[in-house]
Each structure stands twice: as structure tokens, then as C-alpha cells.
C-alpha atoms as a PDB file:
ATOM      1  CA  MET A   1      -0.025  -0.170   0.015  1.00  0.00           C
ATOM      2  CA  ASP A   2       1.105   4.011  -1.032  1.00  0.00           C
ATOM      3  CA  TYR A   3       0.670   6.166   1.378  1.00  0.00           C
ATOM      4  CA  LYS A   4      -0.688   9.032   0.311  1.00  0.00           C
ATOM      5  CA  PRO A   5      -0.681  12.245   2.747  1.00  0.00           C
ATOM      6  CA  VAL A   6      -2.739  14.681   2.072  1.00  0.00           C
ATOM      7  CA  PRO A   7      -2.726  17.698   4.072  1.00  0.00           C
ATOM      8  CA  CYS A   8      -5.186  20.439   5.731  1.00  0.00           C
ATOM      9  CA  ILE A   9      -2.709  23.488   5.725  1.00  0.00           C
ATOM     10  CA  VAL A  10      -0.881  24.198   2.733  1.00  0.00           C
ATOM     11  CA  PRO A  11       0.985  27.358   2.197  1.00  0.00           C
ATOM     12  CA  HIS A  12      -1.317  30.700   1.557  1.00  0.00           C
ATOM     13  CA  THR A  13      -1.375  32.164  -1.779  1.00  0.00           C
ATOM     14  CA  ASN A  14      -0.830  35.611  -1.761  1.00  0.00           C
ATOM     15  CA  PHE A  15       1.096  35.635   1.452  1.00  0.00           C
ATOM     16  CA  ASP A  16       1.779  38.391   2.750  1.00  0.00           C
ATOM     17  CA  ALA A  17       3.805  38.549   6.045  1.00  0.00           C
ATOM     18  CA  SER A  18       4.033  41.980   6.922  1.00  0.00           C
ATOM     19  CA  GLY A  19       0.744  42.276   6.351  1.00  0.00           C
ATOM     20  CA  ASP A  20      -0.084  39.445   8.447  1.00  0.00           C
ATOM     21  CA  SER A  21       1.693  41.092  11.248  1.00  0.00           C
ATOM     22  CA  GLN A  22       0.375  44.158  10.957  1.00  0.00           C
ATOM     23  CA  ASP A  23      -3.312  42.544  11.446  1.00  0.00           C
ATOM     24  CA  LEU A  24      -1.594  40.597  14.660  1.00  0.00           C
ATOM     25  CA  ARG A  25      -0.580  43.533  16.198  1.00  0.00           C
ATOM     26  CA  ALA A  26      -3.961  45.428  15.605  1.00  0.00           C
ATOM     27  CA  ALA A  27      -6.008  42.432  17.015  1.00  0.00           C
ATOM     28  CA  MET A  28      -3.682  42.458  20.599  1.00  0.00           C
ATOM     29  CA  GLN A  29      -4.009  46.021  20.803  1.00  0.00           C
ATOM     30  CA  GLY A  30      -6.341  48.252  22.683  1.00  0.00           C
ATOM     31  CA  LEU A  31      -9.091  46.581  25.097  1.00  0.00           C
ATOM     32  CA  GLY A  32      -9.374  43.325  24.648  1.00  0.00           C
ATOM     33  CA  THR A  33      -7.991  40.903  21.831  1.00  0.00           C
ATOM     34  CA  ASP A  34     -10.084  39.658  18.698  1.00  0.00           C
ATOM     35  CA  GLU A  35      -9.027  36.136  18.874  1.00  0.00           C
ATOM     36  CA  GLN A  36     -10.770  35.201  15.800  1.00  0.00           C
ATOM     37  CA  GLN A  37      -8.974  37.944  13.521  1.00  0.00           C
ATOM     38  CA  ILE A  38      -5.374  35.536  15.550  1.00  0.00           C
ATOM     39  CA  ILE A  39      -7.329  32.408  14.568  1.00  0.00           C
ATOM     40  CA  ASP A  40      -8.111  33.402  10.879  1.00  0.00           C
ATOM     41  CA  VAL A  41      -4.422  34.450  10.492  1.00  0.00           C
ATOM     42  CA  LEU A  42      -2.387  31.583  11.801  1.00  0.00           C
ATOM     43  CA  ALA A  43      -4.628  28.820  11.244  1.00  0.00           C
ATOM     44  CA  THR A  44      -4.876  29.579   7.515  1.00  0.00           C
ATOM     45  CA  ARG A  45      -1.019  29.818   6.702  1.00  0.00           C
ATOM     46  CA  SER A  46       2.155  27.319   6.910  1.00  0.00           C
ATOM     47  CA  ASN A  47       4.523  26.872   9.252  1.00  0.00           C
ATOM     48  CA  ALA A  48       7.056  28.417   7.277  1.00  0.00           C
ATOM     49  CA  GLN A  49       4.671  31.391   6.734  1.00  0.00           C
ATOM     50  CA  ARG A  50       4.244  31.931  10.293  1.00  0.00           C
ATOM     51  CA  GLN A  51       8.515  31.652  10.493  1.00  0.00           C
ATOM     52  CA  GLU A  52       7.936  34.412   8.069  1.00  0.00           C
ATOM     53  CA  MET A  53       5.543  36.515  10.672  1.00  0.00           C
ATOM     54  CA  ILE A  54       7.404  36.391  13.571  1.00  0.00           C
ATOM     55  CA  ALA A  55      10.722  38.119  11.764  1.00  0.00           C
ATOM     56  CA  ALA A  56       8.124  40.906  10.052  1.00  0.00           C
ATOM     57  CA  TYR A  57       6.631  41.508  13.660  1.00  0.00           C
ATOM     58  CA  LEU A  58      10.086  41.885  15.182  1.00  0.00           C
ATOM     59  CA  SER A  59      11.256  43.961  12.372  1.00  0.00           C
ATOM     60  CA  GLU A  60       8.216  46.585  12.413  1.00  0.00           C
ATOM     61  CA  PHE A  61       6.879  46.182  15.693  1.00  0.00           C
ATOM     62  CA  ASP A  62      10.738  45.484  18.055  1.00  0.00           C
ATOM     63  CA  ARG A  63       8.362  43.407  19.386  1.00  0.00           C
ATOM     64  CA  ASP A  64       8.394  39.073  20.103  1.00  0.00           C
ATOM     65  CA  LEU A  65       5.268  38.093  18.525  1.00  0.00           C
ATOM     66  CA  ILE A  66       4.827  34.978  20.044  1.00  0.00           C
ATOM     67  CA  GLU A  67       5.528  36.618  23.917  1.00  0.00           C
ATOM     68  CA  ASP A  68       3.251  39.098  22.782  1.00  0.00           C
ATOM     69  CA  LEU A  69       0.498  36.165  21.902  1.00  0.00           C
ATOM     70  CA  LYS A  70       1.481  34.893  25.222  1.00  0.00           C
ATOM     71  CA  GLY A  71       0.488  37.288  26.933  1.00  0.00           C
ATOM     72  CA  GLU A  72      -2.723  38.420  25.275  1.00  0.00           C
ATOM     73  CA  LEU A  73      -4.056  34.553  24.921  1.00  0.00           C
ATOM     74  CA  GLY A  74      -4.408  31.532  27.881  1.00  0.00           C
ATOM     75  CA  GLY A  75      -5.434  27.861  28.661  1.00  0.00           C
ATOM     76  CA  THR A  76      -5.740  25.658  25.538  1.00  0.00           C
ATOM     77  CA  PHE A  77      -6.591  28.472  22.982  1.00  0.00           C
ATOM     78  CA  GLU A  78      -2.902  29.405  23.534  1.00  0.00           C
ATOM     79  CA  ASP A  79      -1.328  26.153  23.629  1.00  0.00           C
ATOM     80  CA  VAL A  80      -2.836  25.662  19.978  1.00  0.00           C
ATOM     81  CA  ILE A  81      -1.564  28.953  19.040  1.00  0.00           C
ATOM     82  CA  ILE A  82       1.873  28.652  20.254  1.00  0.00           C
ATOM     83  CA  ALA A  83       2.268  25.034  18.992  1.00  0.00           C
ATOM     84  CA  LEU A  84       1.522  26.760  15.492  1.00  0.00           C
ATOM     85  CA  MET A  85       4.027  29.588  15.852  1.00  0.00           C
ATOM     86  CA  LEU A  86       7.179  26.987  16.990  1.00  0.00           C
ATOM     87  CA  PRO A  87       9.088  25.238  14.225  1.00  0.00           C
ATOM     88  CA  PRO A  88       7.395  21.715  13.871  1.00  0.00           C
ATOM     89  CA  VAL A  89      10.277  19.562  14.719  1.00  0.00           C
ATOM     90  CA  GLU A  90      11.088  22.203  17.988  1.00  0.00           C
ATOM     91  CA  TYR A  91       7.119  21.573  19.023  1.00  0.00           C
ATOM     92  CA  LEU A  92       7.617  17.642  19.172  1.00  0.00           C
ATOM     93  CA  CYS A  93      11.285  18.063  20.854  1.00  0.00           C
ATOM     94  CA  LYS A  94       8.967  20.560  23.620  1.00  0.00           C
ATOM     95  CA  GLN A  95       6.453  17.448  23.318  1.00  0.00           C
ATOM     96  CA  LEU A  96       8.954  15.031  24.636  1.00  0.00           C
ATOM     97  CA  HIS A  97      10.657  16.814  26.927  1.00  0.00           C
ATOM     98  CA  GLY A  98       6.863  17.584  28.585  1.00  0.00           C
ATOM     99  CA  ALA A  99       6.348  14.088  29.129  1.00  0.00           C
ATOM    100  CA  MET A 100       9.754  13.569  30.792  1.00  0.00           C
ATOM    101  CA  ALA A 101       9.839  16.604  32.618  1.00  0.00           C
ATOM    102  CA  GLY A 102       8.719  15.893  36.797  1.00  0.00           C
ATOM    103  CA  ILE A 103       7.456  13.183  38.508  1.00  0.00           C
ATOM    104  CA  GLY A 104       6.563  10.351  35.662  1.00  0.00           C
ATOM    105  CA  THR A 105       6.429  10.056  32.391  1.00  0.00           C
ATOM    106  CA  ASN A 106       3.762   9.618  29.735  1.00  0.00           C
ATOM    107  CA  GLU A 107       5.048   7.232  27.763  1.00  0.00           C
ATOM    108  CA  ALA A 108       2.157   7.095  25.039  1.00  0.00           C
ATOM    109  CA  THR A 109       4.146  10.826  24.099  1.00  0.00           C
ATOM    110  CA  LEU A 110       7.338   9.071  23.628  1.00  0.00           C
ATOM    111  CA  VAL A 111       5.523   6.284  21.537  1.00  0.00           C
ATOM    112  CA  GLU A 112       3.379   8.033  19.678  1.00  0.00           C
ATOM    113  CA  ILE A 113       6.307  10.954  18.505  1.00  0.00           C
ATOM    114  CA  LEU A 114       9.304   8.337  18.093  1.00  0.00           C
ATOM    115  CA  CYS A 115       7.627   5.268  17.391  1.00  0.00           C
ATOM    116  CA  THR A 116       5.858   6.661  13.746  1.00  0.00           C
ATOM    117  CA  LYS A 117       9.086   8.609  12.594  1.00  0.00           C
ATOM    118  CA  SER A 118      11.088   7.641   9.686  1.00  0.00           C
ATOM    119  CA  ASN A 119      14.959   7.750  10.458  1.00  0.00           C
ATOM    120  CA  GLU A 120      15.512  11.020   8.469  1.00  0.00           C
ATOM    121  CA  GLN A 121      13.006  12.630  10.560  1.00  0.00           C
ATOM    122  CA  MET A 122      14.464  10.964  13.916  1.00  0.00           C
ATOM    123  CA  HIS A 123      17.888  12.274  12.999  1.00  0.00           C
ATOM    124  CA  GLU A 124      16.238  15.741  13.188  1.00  0.00           C
ATOM    125  CA  ILE A 125      14.357  15.442  16.310  1.00  0.00           C
ATOM    126  CA  VAL A 126      17.460  14.013  18.230  1.00  0.00           C
ATOM    127  CA  ALA A 127      19.940  16.616  16.865  1.00  0.00           C
ATOM    128  CA  THR A 128      16.843  19.365  17.434  1.00  0.00           C
ATOM    129  CA  TYR A 129      16.333  18.169  21.313  1.00  0.00           C
ATOM    130  CA  GLU A 130      19.987  18.594  22.002  1.00  0.00           C
ATOM    131  CA  ARG A 131      20.310  21.940  20.974  1.00  0.00           C
ATOM    132  CA  LEU A 132      16.920  23.092  22.600  1.00  0.00           C
ATOM    133  CA  TYR A 133      17.831  21.144  25.844  1.00  0.00           C
ATOM    134  CA  GLU A 134      21.470  20.665  25.825  1.00  0.00           C
ATOM    135  CA  ARG A 135      20.974  16.775  26.896  1.00  0.00           C
ATOM    136  CA  PRO A 136      21.139  14.206  24.598  1.00  0.00           C
ATOM    137  CA  LEU A 137      17.476  12.936  23.884  1.00  0.00           C
ATOM    138  CA  ALA A 138      18.641   9.122  24.370  1.00  0.00           C
ATOM    139  CA  GLU A 139      20.202  10.234  28.102  1.00  0.00           C
ATOM    140  CA  GLN A 140      17.250  11.728  29.416  1.00  0.00           C
ATOM    141  CA  MET A 141      15.256   9.259  27.973  1.00  0.00           C
ATOM    142  CA  GLY A 142      17.382   6.184  29.108  1.00  0.00           C
ATOM    143  CA  SER A 143      16.851   7.685  32.856  1.00  0.00           C
ATOM    144  CA  GLU A 144      13.294   7.930  32.502  1.00  0.00           C
ATOM    145  CA  THR A 145      12.236   4.308  30.629  1.00  0.00           C
ATOM    146  CA  SER A 146      13.629   1.461  31.555  1.00  0.00           C
ATOM    147  CA  GLY A 147      13.758  -2.666  30.079  1.00  0.00           C
ATOM    148  CA  PHE A 148      13.110  -3.666  26.744  1.00  0.00           C
ATOM    149  CA  PHE A 149      10.861  -0.669  26.371  1.00  0.00           C
ATOM    150  CA  ARG A 150      13.882   1.654  26.750  1.00  0.00           C
ATOM    151  CA  ARG A 151      16.110  -0.573  24.630  1.00  0.00           C
ATOM    152  CA  LEU A 152      13.676  -0.322  21.840  1.00  0.00           C
ATOM    153  CA  LEU A 153      13.425   3.715  22.438  1.00  0.00           C
ATOM    154  CA  THR A 154      17.133   3.321  22.794  1.00  0.00           C
ATOM    155  CA  LEU A 155      17.481   1.785  19.130  1.00  0.00           C
ATOM    156  CA  ILE A 156      14.958   4.119  17.425  1.00  0.00           C
ATOM    157  CA  VAL A 157      16.343   7.199  18.433  1.00  0.00           C
ATOM    158  CA  THR A 158      19.626   5.943  17.961  1.00  0.00           C
ATOM    159  CA  GLY A 159      19.033   6.301  14.082  1.00  0.00           C
ATOM    160  CA  VAL A 160      19.640   2.533  13.423  1.00  0.00           C
ATOM    161  CA  ARG A 161      16.508   2.015  11.033  1.00  0.00           C
ATOM    162  CA  ASP A 162      17.207   1.842   7.492  1.00  0.00           C
ATOM    163  CA  ASP A 163      16.457   4.934   5.168  1.00  0.00           C
ATOM    164  CA  LEU A 164      13.115   5.034   3.057  1.00  0.00           C
ATOM    165  CA  ASP A 165      15.064   4.908  -0.448  1.00  0.00           C
ATOM    166  CA  THR A 166      16.453   1.832   1.158  1.00  0.00           C
ATOM    167  CA  PRO A 167      15.831  -1.046  -1.664  1.00  0.00           C
ATOM    168  CA  VAL A 168      12.859  -3.535   0.030  1.00  0.00           C
ATOM    169  CA  ASP A 169      14.402  -7.340   0.125  1.00  0.00           C
ATOM    170  CA  PRO A 170      11.606  -9.947   0.001  1.00  0.00           C
ATOM    171  CA  GLU A 171      14.068 -12.560   0.734  1.00  0.00           C
ATOM    172  CA  LYS A 172      15.399 -10.999   3.380  1.00  0.00           C
ATOM    173  CA  ALA A 173      11.648 -10.042   4.829  1.00  0.00           C
ATOM    174  CA  LYS A 174      11.008 -14.116   4.684  1.00  0.00           C
ATOM    175  CA  GLU A 175      14.229 -14.508   7.049  1.00  0.00           C
ATOM    176  CA  GLN A 176      13.030 -11.761   9.642  1.00  0.00           C
ATOM    177  CA  ALA A 177       9.104 -13.030  10.015  1.00  0.00           C
ATOM    178  CA  ALA A 178      10.779 -16.108  10.685  1.00  0.00           C
ATOM    179  CA  GLU A 179      12.722 -15.076  13.342  1.00  0.00           C
ATOM    180  CA  LEU A 180       9.671 -12.880  14.559  1.00  0.00           C
ATOM    181  CA  TYR A 181       7.890 -16.482  14.466  1.00  0.00           C
ATOM    182  CA  ALA A 182      10.900 -18.275  16.037  1.00  0.00           C
ATOM    183  CA  ALA A 183      11.128 -15.472  19.043  1.00  0.00           C
ATOM    184  CA  GLY A 184       7.924 -15.797  20.167  1.00  0.00           C
ATOM    185  CA  GLU A 185       4.924 -17.781  18.950  1.00  0.00           C
ATOM    186  CA  ALA A 186       6.929 -21.301  18.201  1.00  0.00           C
ATOM    187  CA  LYS A 187       8.675 -21.172  21.580  1.00  0.00           C
ATOM    188  CA  LEU A 188       7.531 -20.826  25.633  1.00  0.00           C
ATOM    189  CA  GLY A 189       8.487 -16.792  26.343  1.00  0.00           C
ATOM    190  CA  THR A 190       9.465 -14.613  23.928  1.00  0.00           C
ATOM    191  CA  ASP A 191      12.877 -13.165  22.858  1.00  0.00           C
ATOM    192  CA  GLU A 192      11.894  -9.360  22.994  1.00  0.00           C
ATOM    193  CA  GLY A 193      15.445  -8.614  22.177  1.00  0.00           C
ATOM    194  CA  VAL A 194      14.487 -10.251  18.375  1.00  0.00           C
ATOM    195  CA  PHE A 195      11.762  -8.294  18.399  1.00  0.00           C
ATOM    196  CA  ASN A 196      13.067  -4.963  19.137  1.00  0.00           C
ATOM    197  CA  ARG A 197      15.883  -5.356  16.696  1.00  0.00           C
ATOM    198  CA  ILE A 198      13.714  -6.427  13.623  1.00  0.00           C
ATOM    199  CA  MET A 199      11.250  -3.601  14.396  1.00  0.00           C
ATOM    200  CA  SER A 200      13.821  -0.599  14.893  1.00  0.00           C
ATOM    201  CA  HIS A 201      16.003  -1.930  12.086  1.00  0.00           C
ATOM    202  CA  ALA A 202      13.445  -2.446   9.134  1.00  0.00           C
ATOM    203  CA  SER A 203      12.408   0.530   7.019  1.00  0.00           C
ATOM    204  CA  PHE A 204       8.438   0.756   7.165  1.00  0.00           C
ATOM    205  CA  ASN A 205       8.568  -0.013   3.466  1.00  0.00           C
ATOM    206  CA  GLN A 206      10.272  -3.682   4.596  1.00  0.00           C
ATOM    207  CA  LEU A 207       8.251  -4.261   7.508  1.00  0.00           C
ATOM    208  CA  ARG A 208       5.296  -4.408   5.580  1.00  0.00           C
ATOM    209  CA  LEU A 209       6.699  -7.449   3.332  1.00  0.00           C
ATOM    210  CA  VAL A 210       7.700  -8.861   6.876  1.00  0.00           C
ATOM    211  CA  PHE A 211       4.453  -8.412   8.084  1.00  0.00           C
ATOM    212  CA  ASP A 212       2.794 -10.220   5.218  1.00  0.00           C
ATOM    213  CA  GLU A 213       5.090 -12.545   5.286  1.00  0.00           C
ATOM    214  CA  TYR A 214       4.735 -12.996   8.696  1.00  0.00           C
ATOM    215  CA  LYS A 215       1.129 -14.245   7.690  1.00  0.00           C
ATOM    216  CA  SER A 216       1.835 -16.361   5.654  1.00  0.00           C
ATOM    217  CA  LEU A 217       4.140 -18.771   7.624  1.00  0.00           C
ATOM    218  CA  SER A 218       2.280 -18.368  10.989  1.00  0.00           C
ATOM    219  CA  GLY A 219      -1.410 -17.753   9.727  1.00  0.00           C
ATOM    220  CA  GLN A 220      -1.706 -14.999  12.534  1.00  0.00           C
ATOM    221  CA  THR A 221      -1.651 -11.510  11.885  1.00  0.00           C
ATOM    222  CA  ILE A 222       1.957  -9.857  13.281  1.00  0.00           C
ATOM    223  CA  GLU A 223      -0.874  -7.589  15.617  1.00  0.00           C
ATOM    224  CA  GLN A 224      -2.067 -11.388  17.011  1.00  0.00           C
ATOM    225  CA  ALA A 225       1.318 -12.077  17.634  1.00  0.00           C
ATOM    226  CA  ILE A 226       2.378  -8.603  19.877  1.00  0.00           C
ATOM    227  CA  LYS A 227      -1.113  -8.814  22.162  1.00  0.00           C
ATOM    228  CA  HIS A 228      -0.271 -12.316  22.779  1.00  0.00           C
ATOM    229  CA  GLU A 229       3.446 -11.904  23.285  1.00  0.00           C
ATOM    230  CA  MET A 230       3.672  -8.320  24.807  1.00  0.00           C
ATOM    231  CA  ALA A 231       2.600  -6.458  27.161  1.00  0.00           C
ATOM    232  CA  ASP A 232       2.358  -2.596  28.524  1.00  0.00           C
ATOM    233  CA  GLU A 233       4.576   0.028  27.264  1.00  0.00           C
ATOM    234  CA  LEU A 234       6.413  -2.253  24.899  1.00  0.00           C
ATOM    235  CA  HIS A 235       2.841  -3.775  23.686  1.00  0.00           C
ATOM    236  CA  GLU A 236       2.021   0.339  22.819  1.00  0.00           C
ATOM    237  CA  ALA A 237       5.131   0.963  21.415  1.00  0.00           C
ATOM    238  CA  MET A 238       5.374  -2.511  19.097  1.00  0.00           C
ATOM    239  CA  MET A 239       1.500  -1.718  18.009  1.00  0.00           C
ATOM    240  CA  ALA A 240       2.281   2.162  16.935  1.00  0.00           C
ATOM    241  CA  ILE A 241       4.923   0.674  14.663  1.00  0.00           C
ATOM    242  CA  VAL A 242       2.989  -1.805  12.964  1.00  0.00           C
ATOM    243  CA  GLU A 243      -0.439   0.978  12.561  1.00  0.00           C
ATOM    244  CA  CYS A 244       2.195   2.910  11.332  1.00  0.00           C
ATOM    245  CA  VAL A 245       3.817   1.018   8.643  1.00  0.00           C
ATOM    246  CA  GLN A 246       0.145  -0.303   7.997  1.00  0.00           C
ATOM    247  CA  SER A 247      -1.455   2.806   7.580  1.00  0.00           C
ATOM    248  CA  PRO A 248      -0.398   6.611   9.573  1.00  0.00           C
ATOM    249  CA  ALA A 249      -3.673   7.621   9.165  1.00  0.00           C
ATOM    250  CA  ALA A 250      -5.634   4.921  10.929  1.00  0.00           C
ATOM    251  CA  PHE A 251      -2.732   5.042  13.684  1.00  0.00           C
ATOM    252  CA  PHE A 252      -3.621   9.092  14.838  1.00  0.00           C
ATOM    253  CA  ALA A 253      -7.398   8.733  14.177  1.00  0.00           C
ATOM    254  CA  ASN A 254      -7.301   5.956  16.832  1.00  0.00           C
ATOM    255  CA  ARG A 255      -5.402   8.018  18.811  1.00  0.00           C
ATOM    256  CA  LEU A 256      -7.459  11.060  18.555  1.00  0.00           C
ATOM    257  CA  TYR A 257     -10.510   8.626  19.245  1.00  0.00           C
ATOM    258  CA  LYS A 258      -9.061   7.996  22.293  1.00  0.00           C
ATOM    259  CA  ALA A 259      -8.041  11.650  23.332  1.00  0.00           C
ATOM    260  CA  MET A 260     -11.655  12.265  23.185  1.00  0.00           C
ATOM    261  CA  ASN A 261     -13.332   9.381  24.426  1.00  0.00           C
ATOM    262  CA  GLY A 262     -14.530   8.801  27.973  1.00  0.00           C
ATOM    263  CA  ALA A 263     -14.603  11.540  30.732  1.00  0.00           C
ATOM    264  CA  GLY A 264     -12.719  14.165  30.017  1.00  0.00           C
ATOM    265  CA  THR A 265     -10.659  15.100  26.976  1.00  0.00           C
ATOM    266  CA  ASP A 266      -6.992  15.072  26.361  1.00  0.00           C
ATOM    267  CA  ASP A 267      -5.922  18.328  25.108  1.00  0.00           C
ATOM    268  CA  LYS A 268      -2.548  18.129  24.818  1.00  0.00           C
ATOM    269  CA  THR A 269      -2.774  14.724  22.607  1.00  0.00           C
ATOM    270  CA  LEU A 270      -5.396  16.598  20.587  1.00  0.00           C
ATOM    271  CA  ILE A 271      -3.486  19.286  19.951  1.00  0.00           C
ATOM    272  CA  ARG A 272      -0.031  17.755  19.072  1.00  0.00           C
ATOM    273  CA  ILE A 273      -1.884  15.432  16.598  1.00  0.00           C
ATOM    274  CA  ILE A 274      -4.055  18.175  14.547  1.00  0.00           C
ATOM    275  CA  VAL A 275      -0.762  20.887  14.536  1.00  0.00           C
ATOM    276  CA  SER A 276       1.885  18.288  14.069  1.00  0.00           C
ATOM    277  CA  ARG A 277      -0.299  16.785  11.296  1.00  0.00           C
ATOM    278  CA  SER A 278      -1.875  19.605   9.793  1.00  0.00           C
ATOM    279  CA  GLU A 279       0.699  19.968   6.989  1.00  0.00           C
ATOM    280  CA  ILE A 280       1.133  16.207   6.266  1.00  0.00           C
ATOM    281  CA  ASP A 281      -1.853  14.563   6.747  1.00  0.00           C
ATOM    282  CA  LEU A 282      -4.962  15.797   8.518  1.00  0.00           C
ATOM    283  CA  GLU A 283      -6.848  15.725   5.939  1.00  0.00           C
ATOM    284  CA  THR A 284      -6.290  11.717   5.163  1.00  0.00           C
ATOM    285  CA  ILE A 285      -6.716  11.161   8.962  1.00  0.00           C
ATOM    286  CA  LYS A 286      -9.940  13.234   8.669  1.00  0.00           C
ATOM    287  CA  ASP A 287     -11.138  10.803   5.774  1.00  0.00           C
ATOM    288  CA  GLU A 288      -9.728   7.591   8.010  1.00  0.00           C
ATOM    289  CA  PHE A 289     -11.455   8.883  11.402  1.00  0.00           C
ATOM    290  CA  GLU A 290     -14.636   8.531   9.697  1.00  0.00           C
ATOM    291  CA  ARG A 291     -14.286   5.676   8.130  1.00  0.00           C
ATOM    292  CA  ILE A 292     -13.288   3.601  11.356  1.00  0.00           C
ATOM    293  CA  TYR A 293     -16.287   5.252  13.396  1.00  0.00           C
ATOM    294  CA  ASN A 294     -18.830   6.508  10.920  1.00  0.00           C
ATOM    295  CA  ARG A 295     -18.595  10.258  12.234  1.00  0.00           C
ATOM    296  CA  THR A 296     -16.512  12.764  11.246  1.00  0.00           C
ATOM    297  CA  LEU A 297     -13.481  14.269  13.424  1.00  0.00           C
ATOM    298  CA  LEU A 298     -15.197  18.139  13.072  1.00  0.00           C
ATOM    299  CA  SER A 299     -18.244  16.355  15.117  1.00  0.00           C
ATOM    300  CA  ALA A 300     -16.480  14.689  17.413  1.00  0.00           C
ATOM    301  CA  ILE A 301     -14.213  17.701  18.567  1.00  0.00           C
ATOM    302  CA  VAL A 302     -17.339  19.573  18.809  1.00  0.00           C
ATOM    303  CA  ASP A 303     -18.697  17.109  20.781  1.00  0.00           C
ATOM    304  CA  ALA A 304     -15.799  16.828  22.971  1.00  0.00           C
ATOM    305  CA  GLU A 305     -14.914  19.036  25.895  1.00  0.00           C
ATOM    306  CA  THR A 306     -13.598  22.043  23.391  1.00  0.00           C
ATOM    307  CA  SER A 307     -15.337  25.270  23.347  1.00  0.00           C
ATOM    308  CA  GLY A 308     -14.796  28.808  22.343  1.00  0.00           C
ATOM    309  CA  ASP A 309     -11.202  29.897  20.811  1.00  0.00           C
ATOM    310  CA  TYR A 310     -10.036  26.705  21.506  1.00  0.00           C
ATOM    311  CA  ARG A 311     -12.656  25.120  19.264  1.00  0.00           C
ATOM    312  CA  ALA A 312     -12.824  27.700  16.953  1.00  0.00           C
ATOM    313  CA  ALA A 313      -9.001  27.359  16.574  1.00  0.00           C
ATOM    314  CA  LEU A 314      -8.822  23.016  16.287  1.00  0.00           C
ATOM    315  CA  VAL A 315     -11.614  23.585  13.648  1.00  0.00           C
ATOM    316  CA  ALA A 316     -10.308  26.096  11.030  1.00  0.00           C
ATOM    317  CA  LEU A 317      -7.050  23.836  11.507  1.00  0.00           C
ATOM    318  CA  LEU A 318      -9.475  20.748   9.879  1.00  0.00           C
ATOM    319  CA  GLY A 319     -10.206  23.543   7.472  1.00  0.00           C
ATOM    320  CA  ALA A 320     -13.714  23.560   8.419  1.00  0.00           C
ATOM    321  CA  ALA A 321     -13.770  27.314   9.642  1.00  0.00           C
END
């Protein structure tokens, strides 16, 4: 299956960084703040265009646009807007850092960000994280996780996965499928090290072949095997890799559903996925969400515990404002 990502946010035609920066300044001057004007400008521009706005704002007003936005906004609406203003990789690094800060670790955030990236994307995240926080990501993560889960994430972060342009090898896929079978279903207990090695080294295209061969060999899907052989965070990480190999849109659609289902809304996850995928495949995710859950992502967000400017910003990013 060739994945065809379709974004919701694309570069704005007739973009004028100076004009936009003046509109934003006007929205924040005087009594009150024109939140809708801020949404209309920022939620319809690409991140590269927002970076140009930041430079134009500083040049024209000698002020920091992000700091001014922070001073005028609050709550989850502020979280969405500031997320939009950060370069994408810096935003993900900030999310990773937050997931490991303080007492406890948000393993689900680590899995969502790290297990879904190509090797090229991972190199960029690793370099940016160390620049921002003056500590290697692998070192920080190693102190916050443990066991085979830590080993898997460490392998991913250190960049051992084959690059996207590495040719697939059907014969090797048969061998890798046989190794996975021997390490799990065919023995008492599980050799997690074999699963970690193959799942972290092979490119997503190669893994797609491996999973097909696994089903031919064992009669079970790789998902069924992982469910039987793994538990807790390692299970979640393995499943994230499998789902992203098969359909990144389905993986993120499921994450969005879980963020909005049940008591309360997981705003951090909701914001992170909507913002970080907006210029990649959010339109595809919307289609997949509707296919899986028989309702639109827009209706789910409206029915979730979102309201006011926060909801309006999310809706605008879906291209539905």
C-alpha cells in the first residue's frame, strides 16, 4: 500500500508577512483581544509562513510575536496558537521534554512521537532536542524508561532504522518473519530482543513485507502475535510501529478518538496531533477517522469537551471554519 498523505494546511496564496503581522498587532492592541482575527491569520498559513510573520513582526514593531501572543491568550487556546508558532521539530521536542519532565513519564507521548518517524525525521529530532535542552535525547529517555521498552526506544532514537530509500528485500523479509515467529509463537516465552532488533532496524516499507510474510508463515497477523507476546508500554510501542507501517492515518485517527472518548478530553494529545499533522496528512486522517468511527472528526471535536476560541482554532485547522 502506497500511503498518500493529504494535508489540511498548505501555504497561503498571496501571502504577505508584513500585512499579517500588522493584522496580528491590531488584534492584540487596545481593550480586549480579537481572538477570531488571530485564528483567521494563523490557522490558514503554513508554518514556514508563520516563521516569516515572526521575523516581520520583530522588524516592524521590535516585539516578540510569540511573547505578545502568550501575554494576550490563555488556557488551551494559547496552547494551540503557540504550538502553531513553533517550528514543527522544535514543537515535537518540546512535547518529548514535557513528557519526561517532573514525576512520572508519559510513555504514550514518547511512543506517538518516536515510533512513528522515519530515520531521517529521527535524526532531525535528536539534533534539535540536544540543541534545545543541552542533553542527548537518548540519555534523557534512558533515565525515564526501563526494560525492553527503553531498549526499543533507544534503538529508534540512535537512528538504526534503514532509510526510506533503502530497497526492500523480499528474501530478507521471509527470514525476518521466521525470526519473529521463532522468537514468539514458536517458543515458550518471548525473545523481546529479536522483536526490538527487527522492528527498529527495518524500514517501514521492509516491515510491510515482513508482516505479510509473517501471516503467511504463522496464519496469524503480527498484531495478534504482539497482543499475545507483549504487555504494557512495549506492547503499545510495537503496535504503534505496526499501525504506522500499515496506515499512519489510522494510527493517528485512533489516537484522536481515544483523546476525546470517555471522561474528559486529553487536550495535549488532541492539540499535538491536529497541529503536528496539519501540514502532513490531517485530511487523510479525517477521512480515516470517518471510515473507522462512522462520524466526522469535526463532529467529534465539537462534541468533545472543547469550547470557545479553543474549539474554533481546532476547527479552523481542519479546514472547516
